[in-house]
Amino acid sequence: MKILIIGAGQVGGTLAANLASEAFDITLVDNDESVLQELRDKLDIQTVRGWGSHPDVLRRAGADDADMLVAVTSSDEVNMIACQVCYSLFRTPTKIARIRGTAYLTREGFFSQEHMPIDVLINPEQVVTDNVRQLLEHPGALQVLDFADGRVQLVAVKAYYGGPLVGQELSFFKEHLPKVDMRVAAIFRRGEAIVPTGTTVIEADDEVFCIAAAEHINAVMAELRRVERPFKRIMIAGGGNIGTSLARAIEPYFSVKVLEYNAGRCEQLAEMLNNTVVLNVNATDRDLLLEENIEQCDAFCAVTNDDEVNIMSSLLAKKLGARQVITLIGKPAYVDLVQGHDIDIAISPQMATTSSLLSHVRRGDVVKVHSLRRGAAEALEAIAHGDEKSSKVVGRAIRDIDLPKGTSIGAIVRGEKVIIGHDNVVIESDDHVILFLTDKRQVAAVERLFQVGLTFF
């Protein structure tokens, strides 16, 4: 597949790195030659310098025969024009654009073939907001992922000393939770992936990925760590697009305070939000945090556009008594450096956005993709098609499917029914199959499994 990426910023660069490792034909367009040179030295990609919305630049980049355009510059307008040019002049089949402006997003019917021909809209702020909201709804989780329209959830939890099932074999889960059907998709121990079996023993500090029906996920989490009381008081550092979107999403359910340094922005926030307290303060001011009772805060979410401010305010909040800190970090190299110490959860907006893009480049009928552990692992939802003759999965029990190394089937959604992926479960046509890959290099092999043979057509 030939993919044209417009914009070599953090999102475009991260996406190019992910796709280049999977042998896609990638061409990256940007106006900054130094950035292109840096990426060219690290990745096996082609680069073109120029404005990504100009027809001559797009032609030089190979838009004539590109299968997909992904426009992720910092300008909504450049992204939209690039999609329009590729539609009008080059008939590019799939056009994806990052659009952040609410003035565009709230216009119903604007993004259509008749008006603005963009096939897929990516809004990074909304992606990050959804991620943080899920974490606030599941105290103690490191990551919460939805599949099959929210009917199935995959949750990552760090096993703690004292958890009921820590030190027990996985087979004990069924005995201890007889009314809850679940599956451990993977375990990461000291950074190494372990493919779990019934005799695998969970150790303290293991990062455990569990999959279950959404209504059972909290019960599963309680077996691996101390039961966390629900969050009530949330403090958000940063009143930009993400801070505003997050406050608006959670203010009906939590007591929310937003800390914003710019006085003019504070006035705008006060008008936009209904049940949120907006404070014109510096999030790194120790005395002000104490005045606002930071020690009573259940979750401190640092979501400014400055990594250093986010990290320092989070460290300070944790030291002053905040129960959990969630930190937005733009530089991927910082994420592994800070997460798991005083900062509980670090979120990379680039990786979150990349996950939402990956489902559109996967072969086979893949409807959702989540990139995990900084892109090293992946969870995806694929739809099984065909019959026993044309498909490698339909009509077969999970134990009989030749899954690539490090790949497991966690759950199957059949209509409204959630079926956990035990070995004897037989896959049927139109099942939504949720898979976990500890090694993302196996993605192509999984895609081939879900591609039907020509006899099906």
Protein backbone atom coordinates (compact mmCIF):
# COMPACT_ATOMS: atom_id res chain seq x y z
CA MET A 1 0.00 0.00 0.00
CA LYS A 2 1.32 3.44 -0.95
CA ILE A 3 0.62 6.04 1.75
CA LEU A 4 1.24 9.77 1.45
CA ILE A 5 1.67 11.60 4.79
CA ILE A 6 1.45 15.39 4.85
CA GLY A 7 3.13 16.92 7.89
CA ALA A 8 6.31 15.65 9.57
CA GLY A 9 5.48 16.88 13.06
CA GLN A 10 5.16 14.61 16.07
CA VAL A 11 2.01 12.88 14.81
CA GLY A 12 3.22 12.53 11.22
CA GLY A 13 6.68 11.38 12.31
CA THR A 14 5.28 8.83 14.77
CA LEU A 15 2.86 7.49 12.16
CA ALA A 16 5.62 7.25 9.54
CA ALA A 17 7.82 5.31 11.99
CA ASN A 18 5.00 2.87 12.77
CA LEU A 19 4.07 2.26 9.15
CA ALA A 20 7.62 2.13 7.78
CA SER A 21 8.39 -0.75 10.15
CA GLU A 22 5.58 -2.72 8.48
CA ALA A 23 6.94 -2.37 4.91
CA PHE A 24 4.38 0.15 3.67
CA ASP A 25 5.51 2.46 0.85
CA ILE A 26 5.62 5.78 2.74
CA THR A 27 6.23 9.26 1.33
CA LEU A 28 6.40 12.12 3.84
CA VAL A 29 5.85 15.76 2.80
CA ASP A 30 6.87 18.77 4.87
CA ASN A 31 8.30 22.25 4.35
CA ASP A 32 11.12 21.76 6.88
CA GLU A 33 14.09 20.02 5.24
CA SER A 34 15.95 19.50 8.55
CA VAL A 35 13.02 17.51 10.00
CA LEU A 36 12.74 15.47 6.80
CA GLN A 37 16.48 14.76 6.85
CA GLU A 38 16.31 13.53 10.45
CA LEU A 39 13.43 11.17 9.67
CA ARG A 40 15.07 10.02 6.44
CA ASP A 41 18.19 9.04 8.37
CA LYS A 42 16.15 6.92 10.81
CA LEU A 43 13.43 5.45 8.59
CA ASP A 44 13.17 3.70 5.24
CA ILE A 45 10.85 6.32 3.69
CA GLN A 46 10.81 8.82 0.84
CA THR A 47 10.49 12.54 1.59
CA VAL A 48 9.46 15.57 -0.45
CA ARG A 49 9.99 19.15 0.64
CA GLY A 50 7.20 21.61 -0.06
CA TRP A 51 3.69 22.74 0.90
CA GLY A 52 1.53 19.68 1.25
CA SER A 53 -1.54 21.40 -0.16
CA HIS A 54 0.10 22.43 -3.47
CA PRO A 55 -0.79 20.23 -6.48
CA ASP A 56 2.74 20.20 -7.89
CA VAL A 57 4.19 19.07 -4.54
CA LEU A 58 1.57 16.34 -4.21
CA ARG A 59 2.32 15.17 -7.75
CA ARG A 60 6.05 15.00 -6.99
CA ALA A 61 5.21 12.98 -3.88
CA GLY A 62 3.36 10.40 -5.97
CA ALA A 63 -0.27 11.37 -5.39
CA ASP A 64 -1.11 10.01 -8.87
CA ASP A 65 -0.94 6.43 -7.63
CA ALA A 66 -1.23 6.79 -3.83
CA ASP A 67 -3.74 4.53 -2.09
CA MET A 68 -4.15 6.82 0.90
CA LEU A 69 -3.52 10.42 1.96
CA VAL A 70 -3.01 11.22 5.66
CA ALA A 71 -2.90 14.99 6.26
CA VAL A 72 -1.72 15.73 9.80
CA THR A 73 -0.09 19.17 9.66
CA SER A 74 -0.79 21.65 12.46
CA SER A 75 -3.12 23.59 10.11
CA ASP A 76 -6.69 22.38 9.62
CA GLU A 77 -6.91 24.42 6.43
CA VAL A 78 -3.80 22.89 4.85
CA ASN A 79 -5.09 19.41 5.74
CA MET A 80 -8.48 20.12 4.17
CA ILE A 81 -7.04 21.61 0.98
CA ALA A 82 -4.65 18.67 0.58
CA CYS A 83 -7.64 16.29 0.74
CA GLN A 84 -9.60 18.42 -1.72
CA VAL A 85 -6.69 18.52 -4.20
CA CYS A 86 -6.13 14.77 -3.96
CA TYR A 87 -9.84 14.17 -4.55
CA SER A 88 -10.21 16.57 -7.46
CA LEU A 89 -6.93 16.02 -9.30
CA PHE A 90 -5.66 12.58 -8.32
CA ARG A 91 -8.77 10.64 -7.23
CA THR A 92 -6.97 9.30 -4.15
CA PRO A 93 -9.20 6.49 -2.76
CA THR A 94 -8.88 7.24 0.99
CA LYS A 95 -8.31 10.67 2.50
CA ILE A 96 -7.69 11.13 6.24
CA ALA A 97 -7.24 14.53 7.88
CA ARG A 98 -6.49 15.83 11.35
CA ILE A 99 -9.10 18.48 12.12
CA ARG A 100 -9.03 20.28 15.46
CA GLY A 101 -11.24 23.34 15.01
CA THR A 102 -14.69 22.94 16.55
CA ALA A 103 -16.01 25.52 14.07
CA TYR A 104 -15.49 22.90 11.35
CA LEU A 105 -16.40 19.81 13.35
CA THR A 106 -19.79 21.12 14.45
CA ARG A 107 -21.00 21.75 10.86
CA GLU A 108 -23.21 18.78 10.06
CA GLY A 109 -22.72 17.43 6.55
CA PHE A 110 -19.73 19.66 5.83
CA PHE A 111 -17.29 16.74 5.50
CA SER A 112 -18.83 14.92 2.56
CA GLN A 113 -17.91 14.18 -1.06
CA GLU A 114 -20.11 17.10 -2.19
CA HIS A 115 -18.47 19.69 0.08
CA MET A 116 -15.20 18.71 1.74
CA PRO A 117 -14.15 15.19 0.57
CA ILE A 118 -12.50 13.78 3.69
CA ASP A 119 -13.22 10.12 4.41
CA VAL A 120 -11.90 9.97 7.99
CA LEU A 121 -11.58 12.80 10.53
CA ILE A 122 -9.00 12.56 13.31
CA ASN A 123 -9.36 14.89 16.30
CA PRO A 124 -6.37 14.39 18.66
CA GLU A 125 -7.98 16.35 21.47
CA GLN A 126 -11.03 14.08 21.43
CA VAL A 127 -8.86 10.95 21.32
CA VAL A 128 -6.88 12.05 24.38
CA THR A 129 -10.05 13.18 26.17
CA ASP A 130 -11.62 9.77 25.67
CA ASN A 131 -8.49 8.03 26.98
CA VAL A 132 -8.30 10.15 30.13
CA ARG A 133 -12.04 9.86 30.79
CA GLN A 134 -11.78 6.06 30.66
CA LEU A 135 -8.92 6.13 33.16
CA LEU A 136 -10.91 8.34 35.54
CA GLU A 137 -13.85 5.94 35.34
CA HIS A 138 -11.58 2.96 36.20
CA PRO A 139 -9.32 3.96 39.14
CA GLY A 140 -6.12 1.93 39.19
CA ALA A 141 -6.06 1.10 35.47
CA LEU A 142 -3.00 1.97 33.37
CA GLN A 143 -4.95 1.76 30.13
CA VAL A 144 -8.57 1.05 29.20
CA LEU A 145 -9.50 0.14 25.63
CA ASP A 146 -12.98 -0.27 24.13
CA PHE A 147 -13.95 -2.79 21.46
CA ALA A 148 -17.23 -3.68 19.74
CA ASP A 149 -18.85 -0.33 20.57
CA GLY A 150 -17.89 -0.59 24.23
CA ARG A 151 -19.28 -4.08 24.87
CA VAL A 152 -15.78 -5.48 25.48
CA GLN A 153 -12.92 -3.80 27.32
CA LEU A 154 -9.22 -4.57 27.54
CA VAL A 155 -7.63 -3.16 30.67
CA ALA A 156 -3.99 -2.97 31.72
CA VAL A 157 -3.38 -3.22 35.47
CA LYS A 158 -0.23 -3.33 37.55
CA ALA A 159 -0.49 -6.25 39.99
CA TYR A 160 0.15 -5.17 43.58
CA TYR A 161 1.31 -7.03 46.67
CA GLY A 162 -1.80 -8.14 48.52
CA GLY A 163 -4.02 -8.55 45.47
CA PRO A 164 -6.24 -11.65 45.88
CA LEU A 165 -4.79 -13.42 42.84
CA VAL A 166 -1.18 -12.23 43.07
CA GLY A 167 0.95 -15.34 43.61
CA GLN A 168 -1.78 -17.59 42.20
CA GLU A 169 -1.96 -19.50 38.92
CA LEU A 170 -4.24 -18.03 36.26
CA SER A 171 -6.43 -21.13 36.40
CA PHE A 172 -7.45 -19.96 39.89
CA PHE A 173 -9.32 -17.01 38.34
CA LYS A 174 -12.26 -19.23 37.37
CA GLU A 175 -12.46 -20.66 40.87
CA HIS A 176 -12.25 -17.27 42.55
CA LEU A 177 -14.63 -15.48 40.14
CA PRO A 178 -17.09 -18.18 39.07
CA LYS A 179 -19.62 -15.71 37.67
CA VAL A 180 -17.16 -13.65 35.65
CA ASP A 181 -15.78 -14.90 32.33
CA MET A 182 -12.50 -13.23 31.45
CA ARG A 183 -9.13 -13.91 29.88
CA VAL A 184 -5.62 -12.66 30.54
CA ALA A 185 -4.41 -11.62 27.09
CA ALA A 186 -0.79 -10.93 28.04
CA ILE A 187 1.57 -10.29 30.92
CA PHE A 188 4.59 -8.00 30.79
CA ARG A 189 7.17 -8.76 33.50
CA ARG A 190 10.18 -6.48 33.81
CA GLY A 191 9.48 -5.27 30.28
CA GLU A 192 9.36 -8.75 28.72
CA ALA A 193 6.18 -10.27 27.28
CA ILE A 194 4.90 -13.54 28.73
CA VAL A 195 2.27 -15.54 26.82
CA PRO A 196 -0.01 -16.66 29.67
CA THR A 197 -1.17 -20.24 30.26
CA GLY A 198 -3.31 -21.73 32.99
CA THR A 199 -0.23 -22.47 35.10
CA THR A 200 1.29 -18.97 34.80
CA VAL A 201 1.68 -17.37 38.23
CA ILE A 202 0.98 -13.64 38.56
CA GLU A 203 3.73 -11.76 40.39
CA ALA A 204 3.61 -8.37 42.05
CA ASP A 205 4.50 -5.53 39.64
CA ASP A 206 3.42 -7.55 36.59
CA GLU A 207 1.60 -5.47 33.97
CA VAL A 208 -1.45 -7.62 33.24
CA PHE A 209 -3.74 -7.12 30.24
CA CYS A 210 -7.21 -8.56 30.94
CA ILE A 211 -10.17 -8.73 28.60
CA ALA A 212 -13.81 -9.12 29.65
CA ALA A 213 -17.30 -7.82 29.02
CA ALA A 214 -17.42 -4.15 30.04
CA GLU A 215 -19.71 -4.80 33.01
CA HIS A 216 -17.17 -7.24 34.54
CA ILE A 217 -13.96 -5.28 34.09
CA ASN A 218 -13.94 -3.61 37.54
CA ALA A 219 -14.42 -6.99 39.26
CA VAL A 220 -11.45 -8.35 37.31
CA MET A 221 -9.27 -5.39 38.26
CA ALA A 222 -10.11 -5.86 41.95
CA GLU A 223 -8.49 -9.32 41.88
CA LEU A 224 -5.10 -7.94 40.90
CA ARG A 225 -4.73 -4.91 43.13
CA ARG A 226 -6.20 -3.13 46.11
CA VAL A 227 -9.78 -2.03 45.52
CA GLU A 228 -9.70 1.66 44.63
CA ARG A 229 -12.49 3.93 45.77
CA PRO A 230 -14.12 5.86 42.90
CA PHE A 231 -12.64 9.20 41.94
CA LYS A 232 -14.64 12.29 42.93
CA ARG A 233 -12.37 15.36 42.87
CA ILE A 234 -10.45 16.03 39.66
CA MET A 235 -7.97 18.86 39.03
CA ILE A 236 -6.99 19.72 35.45
CA ALA A 237 -3.84 21.74 34.73
CA GLY A 238 -4.28 23.54 31.43
CA GLY A 239 -7.34 25.16 29.90
CA GLY A 240 -6.45 24.63 26.24
CA ASN A 241 -8.38 22.47 23.79
CA ILE A 242 -7.72 19.21 25.64
CA GLY A 243 -8.32 20.66 29.11
CA THR A 244 -11.59 22.24 27.97
CA SER A 245 -12.77 19.09 26.20
CA LEU A 246 -11.91 16.95 29.24
CA ALA A 247 -13.62 19.29 31.71
CA ARG A 248 -16.75 19.41 29.56
CA ALA A 249 -16.83 15.61 29.31
CA ILE A 250 -16.42 14.87 33.03
CA GLU A 251 -18.05 17.82 34.84
CA PRO A 252 -21.47 16.09 35.04
CA TYR A 253 -19.91 13.21 37.01
CA PHE A 254 -17.01 14.67 39.03
CA SER A 255 -16.12 17.77 41.02
CA VAL A 256 -13.74 19.53 38.62
CA LYS A 257 -11.26 22.40 38.92
CA VAL A 258 -9.30 23.79 35.95
CA LEU A 259 -6.02 25.64 36.53
CA GLU A 260 -5.23 28.09 33.72
CA TYR A 261 -2.44 30.68 33.70
CA ASN A 262 -3.93 33.02 31.05
CA ALA A 263 -6.56 35.36 32.51
CA GLY A 264 -8.34 35.91 29.19
CA ARG A 265 -8.62 32.17 28.61
CA CYS A 266 -10.04 31.76 32.12
CA GLU A 267 -12.90 34.11 31.25
CA GLN A 268 -13.64 32.08 28.11
CA LEU A 269 -13.59 28.82 30.09
CA ALA A 270 -15.96 30.20 32.70
CA GLU A 271 -18.48 30.90 29.95
CA MET A 272 -18.02 27.53 28.21
CA LEU A 273 -18.20 25.27 31.27
CA ASN A 274 -21.22 24.80 33.51
CA ASN A 275 -20.16 23.00 36.70
CA THR A 276 -16.40 23.52 36.70
CA VAL A 277 -14.40 25.87 38.93
CA VAL A 278 -11.91 27.84 36.80
CA LEU A 279 -8.86 29.26 38.59
CA ASN A 280 -6.39 31.78 37.17
CA VAL A 281 -3.26 30.22 38.69
CA ASN A 282 0.11 28.71 37.79
CA ALA A 283 -0.11 24.91 38.06
CA THR A 284 3.50 24.74 39.30
CA ASP A 285 2.89 27.13 42.22
CA ARG A 286 3.21 25.02 45.39
CA ASP A 287 1.40 27.44 47.70
CA LEU A 288 -1.56 27.83 45.36
CA LEU A 289 -1.89 24.05 45.00
CA LEU A 290 -1.97 23.76 48.79
CA GLU A 291 -4.60 26.51 49.00
CA GLU A 292 -6.76 24.52 46.58
CA ASN A 293 -6.46 21.39 48.78
CA ILE A 294 -4.36 19.36 46.39
CA GLU A 295 -4.00 16.68 49.10
CA GLN A 296 -7.74 15.95 48.73
CA CYS A 297 -7.52 15.61 44.93
CA ASP A 298 -8.24 12.12 43.58
CA ALA A 299 -6.71 12.72 40.15
CA PHE A 300 -4.48 15.51 38.86
CA CYS A 301 -4.47 15.70 35.04
CA ALA A 302 -1.71 17.83 33.50
CA VAL A 303 -2.72 18.57 29.89
CA THR A 304 -1.02 21.85 28.95
CA ASN A 305 0.89 22.09 25.65
CA ASP A 306 4.23 22.22 27.51
CA ASP A 307 5.81 18.87 28.48
CA GLU A 308 8.01 20.42 31.16
CA VAL A 309 5.08 22.18 32.84
CA ASN A 310 3.06 18.96 32.74
CA ILE A 311 5.87 16.91 34.26
CA MET A 312 6.82 19.41 36.97
CA SER A 313 3.23 20.18 38.00
CA SER A 314 2.47 16.43 38.15
CA LEU A 315 5.54 15.70 40.30
CA LEU A 316 4.60 18.56 42.61
CA ALA A 317 0.96 17.47 42.86
CA LYS A 318 1.99 13.90 43.68
CA LYS A 319 4.43 15.07 46.34
CA LEU A 320 1.73 17.27 47.92
CA GLY A 321 -0.70 14.37 48.21
CA ALA A 322 -2.69 13.96 44.98
CA ARG A 323 -3.89 10.35 44.81
CA GLN A 324 -3.10 9.80 41.12
CA VAL A 325 -1.45 11.93 38.44
CA ILE A 326 -2.06 11.61 34.69
CA THR A 327 0.39 13.51 32.52
CA LEU A 328 0.21 14.44 28.84
CA ILE A 329 3.66 14.18 27.25
CA GLY A 330 4.31 15.16 23.64
CA LYS A 331 7.90 13.88 23.37
CA PRO A 332 7.69 10.06 23.16
CA ALA A 333 11.20 9.71 24.64
CA TYR A 334 9.95 11.25 27.90
CA VAL A 335 7.09 8.77 28.39
CA ASP A 336 9.08 5.71 29.49
CA LEU A 337 11.38 7.98 31.48
CA VAL A 338 8.69 9.26 33.83
CA GLN A 339 5.83 6.72 33.93
CA GLY A 340 5.63 4.33 36.85
CA HIS A 341 7.62 6.42 39.33
CA ASP A 342 5.99 9.52 40.82
CA ILE A 343 3.92 9.95 37.66
CA ASP A 344 1.30 7.20 37.55
CA ILE A 345 0.24 7.40 33.91
CA ALA A 346 1.89 9.22 31.00
CA ILE A 347 -0.18 9.69 27.85
CA SER A 348 1.37 10.32 24.45
CA PRO A 349 -1.08 12.16 22.17
CA GLN A 350 0.96 11.02 19.16
CA MET A 351 0.58 7.32 20.02
CA ALA A 352 -3.12 7.78 20.82
CA THR A 353 -3.71 9.47 17.46
CA THR A 354 -1.63 6.86 15.64
CA SER A 355 -3.84 4.11 17.11
CA SER A 356 -6.93 5.73 15.66
CA LEU A 357 -5.25 5.94 12.25
CA LEU A 358 -3.94 2.37 12.15
CA SER A 359 -7.36 0.75 11.74
CA HIS A 360 -7.64 2.45 8.32
CA VAL A 361 -4.40 1.00 6.97
CA ARG A 362 -4.80 -2.57 8.19
CA ARG A 363 -5.57 -5.18 5.52
CA GLY A 364 -8.57 -7.44 6.00
CA ASP A 365 -11.71 -6.16 7.71
CA VAL A 366 -10.12 -4.49 10.75
CA VAL A 367 -12.46 -2.07 12.50
CA LYS A 368 -10.39 -0.94 15.47
CA VAL A 369 -6.70 -0.86 16.42
CA HIS A 370 -5.02 0.15 19.68
CA SER A 371 -1.27 0.60 19.79
CA LEU A 372 0.14 -0.50 23.17
CA ARG A 373 3.38 -0.11 25.09
CA ARG A 374 4.70 2.74 22.88
CA GLY A 375 3.86 0.83 19.71
CA ALA A 376 5.61 -2.46 20.56
CA ALA A 377 2.33 -4.35 21.04
CA GLU A 378 -1.08 -4.05 19.45
CA ALA A 379 -4.70 -5.00 20.09
CA LEU A 380 -7.09 -5.12 17.18
CA GLU A 381 -10.67 -6.00 16.34
CA ALA A 382 -11.13 -7.91 13.08
CA ILE A 383 -14.29 -9.25 11.46
CA ALA A 384 -14.23 -12.86 10.28
CA HIS A 385 -15.70 -13.47 6.80
CA GLY A 386 -16.21 -16.44 4.53
CA ASP A 387 -16.73 -20.11 5.31
CA GLU A 388 -14.62 -23.13 6.23
CA LYS A 389 -13.25 -23.40 2.66
CA SER A 390 -12.38 -19.74 2.05
CA SER A 391 -11.32 -18.64 5.55
CA LYS A 392 -8.47 -19.70 7.81
CA VAL A 393 -10.46 -18.92 10.95
CA VAL A 394 -14.19 -19.44 10.28
CA GLY A 395 -15.49 -22.84 11.40
CA ARG A 396 -12.37 -23.54 13.47
CA ALA A 397 -11.93 -23.76 17.23
CA ILE A 398 -9.42 -21.27 18.57
CA ARG A 399 -7.06 -24.10 19.54
CA ASP A 400 -6.94 -25.19 15.88
CA ILE A 401 -6.12 -21.76 14.42
CA ASP A 402 -2.47 -21.27 13.46
CA LEU A 403 -1.97 -18.00 15.36
CA PRO A 404 1.38 -16.21 14.94
CA LYS A 405 3.79 -16.39 17.87
CA GLY A 406 2.81 -14.05 20.71
CA THR A 407 -0.77 -13.63 19.42
CA SER A 408 -3.87 -14.56 21.39
CA ILE A 409 -7.61 -14.25 20.80
CA GLY A 410 -9.11 -12.55 23.83
CA ALA A 411 -12.80 -12.34 23.01
CA ILE A 412 -15.40 -12.70 20.28
CA VAL A 413 -18.49 -10.55 19.86
CA ARG A 414 -21.34 -12.31 18.08
CA GLY A 415 -24.28 -9.93 17.67
CA GLU A 416 -24.95 -8.65 21.19
CA LYS A 417 -23.22 -11.62 22.83
CA VAL A 418 -19.69 -11.44 24.29
CA ILE A 419 -17.80 -14.75 24.19
CA ILE A 420 -14.42 -14.95 25.93
CA GLY A 421 -11.81 -16.63 23.72
CA HIS A 422 -11.31 -20.01 25.34
CA ASP A 423 -9.63 -22.76 23.32
CA ASN A 424 -12.85 -24.61 22.44
CA VAL A 425 -14.73 -21.60 21.04
CA VAL A 426 -15.50 -21.95 17.32
CA ILE A 427 -15.39 -18.76 15.22
CA GLU A 428 -18.33 -18.05 12.93
CA SER A 429 -18.67 -15.75 9.93
CA ASP A 430 -19.30 -12.09 10.91
CA ASP A 431 -17.83 -12.57 14.40
CA HIS A 432 -15.86 -9.60 15.72
CA VAL A 433 -12.60 -11.14 16.94
CA ILE A 434 -10.41 -9.21 19.41
CA LEU A 435 -6.75 -10.17 19.26
CA PHE A 436 -3.72 -9.19 21.31
CA LEU A 437 -0.23 -9.15 19.73
CA THR A 438 2.75 -8.88 22.04
CA ASP A 439 4.95 -8.46 18.94
CA LYS A 440 3.63 -5.94 16.43
CA ARG A 441 5.82 -7.47 13.72
CA GLN A 442 3.21 -10.24 13.51
CA VAL A 443 0.50 -7.85 12.28
CA ALA A 444 0.89 -8.88 8.63
CA ALA A 445 0.48 -12.57 9.53
CA VAL A 446 -2.70 -11.79 11.48
CA GLU A 447 -4.05 -9.76 8.56
CA ARG A 448 -3.52 -12.73 6.25
CA LEU A 449 -5.49 -14.94 8.62
CA PHE A 450 -8.56 -12.74 8.21
CA GLN A 451 -8.38 -12.35 4.44
CA VAL A 452 -10.82 -14.66 2.62
CA GLY A 453 -9.80 -16.76 -0.36
CA LEU A 454 -11.02 -16.10 -3.91
CA THR A 455 -13.51 -18.98 -3.64
CA PHE A 456 -15.58 -16.76 -1.36
CA PHE A 457 -16.35 -14.22 -4.10
